[in-house]
């Protein structure tokens, strides 16, 4: 099961960083490590998280996709893109699609 508190803590730390800060990569890696472990849990988590949280996680959709290599994950991202049109997830979803071999 994905540790919700841990994810929220990492996202909170990420929010405080400047986009060009090298520490951003570390936060992305920490989140990717969590979400790459279990496809079903990751999908469930994304389906149930709030829009703002999803927006931050979208930064690593491509990395998660590269690790999971899952059509079901992509399908979920496409549904979330429709569910949250105000988040403009299109580019992140496209990069995630391209990460599948």
Protein backbone atom coordinates (compact mmCIF):
# COMPACT_ATOMS: atom_id res chain seq x y z
CA UNK A 1 0.00 0.00 0.00
CA UNK A 2 1.25 3.47 -0.88
CA UNK A 3 2.14 5.60 2.12
CA UNK A 4 -0.05 8.67 1.63
CA UNK A 5 1.76 10.68 4.31
CA UNK A 6 5.13 10.01 2.70
CA UNK A 7 3.87 11.05 -0.75
CA UNK A 8 2.34 14.25 0.64
CA UNK A 9 5.57 15.03 2.52
CA UNK A 10 7.68 14.64 -0.63
CA UNK A 11 5.26 16.78 -2.64
CA UNK A 12 5.31 19.43 0.09
CA UNK A 13 9.13 19.46 -0.03
CA UNK A 14 9.03 19.63 -3.84
CA UNK A 15 6.66 22.62 -3.79
CA UNK A 16 9.22 24.63 -1.82
CA UNK A 17 11.95 24.11 -4.41
CA UNK A 18 12.72 26.39 -7.33
CA UNK A 19 12.09 24.58 -10.66
CA UNK A 20 15.82 24.75 -11.50
CA UNK A 21 16.98 23.45 -8.11
CA UNK A 22 18.93 20.18 -8.54
CA UNK A 23 17.05 18.79 -5.52
CA UNK A 24 13.91 18.58 -7.70
CA UNK A 25 15.39 15.50 -9.39
CA UNK A 26 15.82 13.85 -5.99
CA UNK A 27 12.16 14.46 -5.11
CA UNK A 28 11.09 13.10 -8.50
CA UNK A 29 13.20 10.02 -7.91
CA UNK A 30 11.73 9.47 -4.44
CA UNK A 31 8.19 9.68 -5.82
CA UNK A 32 8.99 7.46 -8.79
CA UNK A 33 10.43 4.83 -6.44
CA UNK A 34 7.13 4.78 -4.55
CA UNK A 35 4.86 4.61 -7.60
CA UNK A 36 6.89 2.09 -9.62
CA UNK A 37 6.47 -0.65 -6.99
CA UNK A 38 2.88 -1.66 -7.65
CA UNK A 39 0.83 -0.78 -10.72
CA UNK A 40 -2.56 -1.45 -9.12
CA UNK A 41 -1.77 0.59 -6.01
CA UNK A 42 -0.40 3.44 -8.13
CA UNK A 43 -3.51 3.54 -10.30
CA UNK A 44 -5.75 3.41 -7.25
CA UNK A 45 -3.79 6.21 -5.60
CA UNK A 46 -3.94 8.46 -8.67
CA UNK A 47 -7.65 7.84 -9.13
CA UNK A 48 -8.29 8.95 -5.55
CA UNK A 49 -5.89 11.84 -5.05
CA UNK A 50 -6.94 15.46 -5.31
CA UNK A 51 -6.26 17.63 -8.34
CA UNK A 52 -3.45 19.69 -6.85
CA UNK A 53 -1.60 16.58 -5.72
CA UNK A 54 -2.12 14.98 -9.13
CA UNK A 55 -0.70 18.07 -10.80
CA UNK A 56 2.55 17.71 -8.86
CA UNK A 57 2.70 13.96 -9.50
CA UNK A 58 2.18 14.61 -13.22
CA UNK A 59 5.78 15.86 -13.33
CA UNK A 60 6.84 12.21 -13.09
CA UNK A 61 4.17 10.48 -15.21
CA UNK A 62 6.85 9.74 -17.81
CA UNK A 63 9.22 8.23 -15.23
CA UNK A 64 6.49 6.07 -13.71
CA UNK A 65 5.39 4.95 -17.16
CA UNK A 66 8.95 4.03 -18.11
CA UNK A 67 9.19 1.78 -15.05
CA UNK A 68 5.70 0.23 -15.18
CA UNK A 69 5.46 -0.24 -18.97
CA UNK A 70 1.69 -0.45 -18.56
CA UNK A 71 -1.14 0.30 -20.97
CA UNK A 72 -3.52 0.32 -18.02
CA UNK A 73 -1.47 3.09 -16.40
CA UNK A 74 -1.71 5.15 -19.60
CA UNK A 75 -5.46 4.52 -19.80
CA UNK A 76 -5.78 5.81 -16.25
CA UNK A 77 -3.79 8.94 -17.07
CA UNK A 78 -6.06 9.61 -20.04
CA UNK A 79 -9.13 9.31 -17.80
CA UNK A 80 -7.57 11.66 -15.25
CA UNK A 81 -6.78 14.13 -18.02
CA UNK A 82 -10.50 14.22 -18.84
CA UNK A 83 -11.51 14.35 -15.17
CA UNK A 84 -9.24 17.36 -14.52
CA UNK A 85 -9.16 19.42 -17.75
CA UNK A 86 -8.12 22.51 -15.76
CA UNK A 87 -4.79 20.85 -14.89
CA UNK A 88 -3.59 20.67 -18.50
CA UNK A 89 -2.07 17.20 -18.17
CA UNK A 90 -1.95 16.57 -21.93
CA UNK A 91 1.80 17.05 -22.39
CA UNK A 92 2.66 14.91 -19.35
CA UNK A 93 0.34 12.14 -20.58
CA UNK A 94 1.90 12.28 -24.06
CA UNK A 95 5.40 11.91 -22.59
CA UNK A 96 4.16 8.97 -20.50
CA UNK A 97 2.82 7.28 -23.66
CA UNK A 98 6.17 7.70 -25.40
CA UNK A 99 7.97 6.06 -22.47
CA UNK A 100 6.32 2.71 -23.20
CA UNK A 101 8.44 0.40 -25.36
